[in-house]
């Protein structure tokens, strides 16, 4: 009987140790849970603040925007003039090339008539 009593006593002692460890783990997890909930709440508040700030900034027009839009309009006008002048230049260059070809042909015809 003593062996059975000793094993029961040992088993009870082991169970008490396991219960104590489980209780310590539970207490530790409860502390971690409380810490995590506090962090989540802090981040939620930060997010709300950031969203309010974003909403406020979305309606604000930067000070430089008027100047930017004015310069953008000027740029469009300058680019249109550039394109027009580039087209004109290309056209005049093609005319010059045609005139040179016509003059060369005329010279060749005159040279062949003079040689004959």
C-alpha atoms as a PDB file:
ATOM      1  CA  UNK A   1       0.000   0.000   0.000  1.00  0.00           C
ATOM      2  CA  UNK A   2       2.829   2.365   0.661  1.00  0.00           C
ATOM      3  CA  UNK A   3       3.971   2.175  -2.936  1.00  0.00           C
ATOM      4  CA  UNK A   4       0.494   3.078  -4.157  1.00  0.00           C
ATOM      5  CA  UNK A   5       0.283   5.928  -1.610  1.00  0.00           C
ATOM      6  CA  UNK A   6       3.703   7.203  -2.661  1.00  0.00           C
ATOM      7  CA  UNK A   7       2.741   7.126  -6.355  1.00  0.00           C
ATOM      8  CA  UNK A   8      -0.520   8.943  -5.648  1.00  0.00           C
ATOM      9  CA  UNK A   9       1.339  11.542  -3.570  1.00  0.00           C
ATOM     10  CA  UNK A  10       3.898  11.983  -6.358  1.00  0.00           C
ATOM     11  CA  UNK A  11       1.157  12.251  -8.996  1.00  0.00           C
ATOM     12  CA  UNK A  12      -0.724  14.822  -6.891  1.00  0.00           C
ATOM     13  CA  UNK A  13       2.486  16.838  -6.406  1.00  0.00           C
ATOM     14  CA  UNK A  14       3.186  16.720 -10.155  1.00  0.00           C
ATOM     15  CA  UNK A  15      -0.381  17.836 -10.901  1.00  0.00           C
ATOM     16  CA  UNK A  16      -0.037  20.726  -8.417  1.00  0.00           C
ATOM     17  CA  UNK A  17       3.172  21.810 -10.189  1.00  0.00           C
ATOM     18  CA  UNK A  18       1.456  21.595 -13.596  1.00  0.00           C
ATOM     19  CA  UNK A  19      -1.538  23.553 -12.287  1.00  0.00           C
ATOM     20  CA  UNK A  20       0.782  26.229 -10.889  1.00  0.00           C
ATOM     21  CA  UNK A  21       2.671  26.432 -14.219  1.00  0.00           C
ATOM     22  CA  UNK A  22      -0.614  26.632 -16.128  1.00  0.00           C
ATOM     23  CA  UNK A  23      -1.836  29.406 -13.830  1.00  0.00           C
ATOM     24  CA  UNK A  24       1.445  31.304 -14.338  1.00  0.00           C
ATOM     25  CA  UNK A  25       1.137  30.879 -18.112  1.00  0.00           C
ATOM     26  CA  UNK A  26      -2.461  32.101 -17.990  1.00  0.00           C
ATOM     27  CA  UNK A  27      -1.453  35.120 -15.922  1.00  0.00           C
ATOM     28  CA  UNK A  28       1.381  35.874 -18.350  1.00  0.00           C
ATOM     29  CA  UNK A  29      -0.949  35.515 -21.341  1.00  0.00           C
ATOM     30  CA  UNK A  30      -3.503  37.795 -19.685  1.00  0.00           C
ATOM     31  CA  UNK A  31      -0.779  40.424 -19.252  1.00  0.00           C
ATOM     32  CA  UNK A  32       0.286  40.025 -22.880  1.00  0.00           C
ATOM     33  CA  UNK A  33      -3.336  40.298 -24.001  1.00  0.00           C
ATOM     34  CA  UNK A  34      -3.794  43.515 -22.007  1.00  0.00           C
ATOM     35  CA  UNK A  35      -0.585  44.947 -23.507  1.00  0.00           C
ATOM     36  CA  UNK A  36      -1.645  44.014 -27.029  1.00  0.00           C
ATOM     37  CA  UNK A  37      -5.107  45.510 -26.551  1.00  0.00           C
ATOM     38  CA  UNK A  38      -3.499  48.759 -25.359  1.00  0.00           C
ATOM     39  CA  UNK A  39      -1.188  48.804 -28.400  1.00  0.00           C
ATOM     40  CA  UNK A  40      -4.118  48.135 -30.749  1.00  0.00           C
ATOM     41  CA  UNK A  41      -6.125  50.949 -29.185  1.00  0.00           C
ATOM     42  CA  UNK A  42      -3.144  53.310 -29.460  1.00  0.00           C
ATOM     43  CA  UNK A  43      -2.686  52.432 -33.148  1.00  0.00           C
ATOM     44  CA  UNK A  44      -6.420  52.836 -33.774  1.00  0.00           C
ATOM     45  CA  UNK A  45      -6.308  56.338 -32.289  1.00  0.00           C
ATOM     46  CA  UNK A  46      -3.207  57.164 -34.384  1.00  0.00           C
ATOM     47  CA  UNK A  47      -5.005  55.894 -37.495  1.00  0.00           C
ATOM     48  CA  UNK A  48      -8.058  58.045 -36.766  1.00  0.00           C
ATOM     49  CA  UNK A  49      -5.819  61.100 -36.282  1.00  0.00           C
ATOM     50  CA  UNK A  50      -3.969  60.374 -39.524  1.00  0.00           C
ATOM     51  CA  UNK A  51      -7.254  59.925 -41.419  1.00  0.00           C
ATOM     52  CA  UNK A  52      -8.568  63.247 -40.092  1.00  0.00           C
ATOM     53  CA  UNK A  53      -5.308  64.940 -41.094  1.00  0.00           C
ATOM     54  CA  UNK A  54      -5.463  63.376 -44.567  1.00  0.00           C
ATOM     55  CA  UNK A  55      -9.060  64.504 -44.999  1.00  0.00           C
ATOM     56  CA  UNK A  56      -8.050  68.020 -43.956  1.00  0.00           C
ATOM     57  CA  UNK A  57      -5.068  68.087 -46.304  1.00  0.00           C
ATOM     58  CA  UNK A  58      -7.054  66.711 -49.223  1.00  0.00           C
ATOM     59  CA  UNK A  59      -9.103  69.909 -49.353  1.00  0.00           C
ATOM     60  CA  UNK A  60      -6.093  72.208 -49.137  1.00  0.00           C
ATOM     61  CA  UNK A  61      -4.686  73.517 -52.383  1.00  0.00           C
ATOM     62  CA  UNK A  62      -0.892  73.971 -52.357  1.00  0.00           C
ATOM     63  CA  UNK A  63       0.322  77.563 -52.583  1.00  0.00           C
ATOM     64  CA  UNK A  64       2.353  76.850 -55.709  1.00  0.00           C
ATOM     65  CA  UNK A  65      -0.540  75.286 -57.640  1.00  0.00           C
ATOM     66  CA  UNK A  66      -1.695  78.586 -59.231  1.00  0.00           C
ATOM     67  CA  UNK A  67       1.796  79.297 -60.523  1.00  0.00           C
ATOM     68  CA  UNK A  68       2.117  75.713 -61.744  1.00  0.00           C
ATOM     69  CA  UNK A  69      -1.133  75.885 -63.709  1.00  0.00           C
ATOM     70  CA  UNK A  70      -0.137  79.229 -65.227  1.00  0.00           C
ATOM     71  CA  UNK A  71       3.248  77.846 -66.270  1.00  0.00           C
ATOM     72  CA  UNK A  72       1.575  74.745 -67.652  1.00  0.00           C
ATOM     73  CA  UNK A  73      -0.653  76.891 -69.894  1.00  0.00           C
ATOM     74  CA  UNK A  74       2.381  78.877 -71.041  1.00  0.00           C
ATOM     75  CA  UNK A  75       4.212  75.644 -71.803  1.00  0.00           C
ATOM     76  CA  UNK A  76       1.336  74.411 -73.952  1.00  0.00           C
ATOM     77  CA  UNK A  77       1.387  77.658 -75.956  1.00  0.00           C
ATOM     78  CA  UNK A  78       5.165  77.523 -76.410  1.00  0.00           C
ATOM     79  CA  UNK A  79       5.008  73.874 -77.474  1.00  0.00           C
ATOM     80  CA  UNK A  80       2.290  74.649 -80.029  1.00  0.00           C
ATOM     81  CA  UNK A  81       4.470  77.411 -81.482  1.00  0.00           C
ATOM     82  CA  UNK A  82       7.454  75.042 -81.549  1.00  0.00           C
ATOM     83  CA  UNK A  83       5.474  72.371 -83.421  1.00  0.00           C
ATOM     84  CA  UNK A  84       4.208  74.929 -85.911  1.00  0.00           C
ATOM     85  CA  UNK A  85       7.702  76.285 -86.569  1.00  0.00           C
ATOM     86  CA  UNK A  86       9.136  72.773 -86.844  1.00  0.00           C
ATOM     87  CA  UNK A  87       6.520  71.861 -89.464  1.00  0.00           C
ATOM     88  CA  UNK A  88       7.218  75.056 -91.376  1.00  0.00           C
ATOM     89  CA  UNK A  89      10.949  74.377 -91.274  1.00  0.00           C
ATOM     90  CA  UNK A  90      10.462  70.838 -92.565  1.00  0.00           C
ATOM     91  CA  UNK A  91       8.229  72.149 -95.362  1.00  0.00           C
ATOM     92  CA  UNK A  92      10.729  74.850 -96.374  1.00  0.00           C
ATOM     93  CA  UNK A  93      13.597  72.363 -96.309  1.00  0.00           C
ATOM     94  CA  UNK A  94      11.661  70.067 -98.655  1.00  0.00           C
ATOM     95  CA  UNK A  95      10.991  73.048-100.977  1.00  0.00           C
ATOM     96  CA  UNK A  96      14.698  73.918-100.998  1.00  0.00           C
ATOM     97  CA  UNK A  97      15.564  70.316-101.867  1.00  0.00           C
ATOM     98  CA  UNK A  98      13.054  70.344-104.742  1.00  0.00           C
ATOM     99  CA  UNK A  99      14.432  73.638-106.067  1.00  0.00           C
ATOM    100  CA  UNK A 100      17.984  72.276-105.905  1.00  0.00           C
ATOM    101  CA  UNK A 101      16.906  69.163-107.842  1.00  0.00           C
ATOM    102  CA  UNK A 102      15.129  71.245-110.459  1.00  0.00           C
ATOM    103  CA  UNK A 103      18.175  73.510-110.855  1.00  0.00           C
ATOM    104  CA  UNK A 104      20.492  70.501-111.136  1.00  0.00           C
ATOM    105  CA  UNK A 105      18.248  68.952-113.784  1.00  0.00           C
ATOM    106  CA  UNK A 106      18.159  72.259-115.623  1.00  0.00           C
ATOM    107  CA  UNK A 107      21.970  72.500-115.500  1.00  0.00           C
ATOM    108  CA  UNK A 108      22.306  68.960-116.783  1.00  0.00           C
ATOM    109  CA  UNK A 109      19.914  69.674-119.644  1.00  0.00           C
ATOM    110  CA  UNK A 110      21.783  72.905-120.487  1.00  0.00           C
ATOM    111  CA  UNK A 111      25.116  71.133-120.293  1.00  0.00           C
ATOM    112  CA  UNK A 112      23.929  68.373-122.611  1.00  0.00           C
ATOM    113  CA  UNK A 113      22.495  70.931-125.088  1.00  0.00           C
ATOM    114  CA  UNK A 114      25.729  72.978-124.995  1.00  0.00           C
ATOM    115  CA  UNK A 115      27.850  69.929-125.546  1.00  0.00           C
ATOM    116  CA  UNK A 116      25.910  68.917-128.626  1.00  0.00           C
END
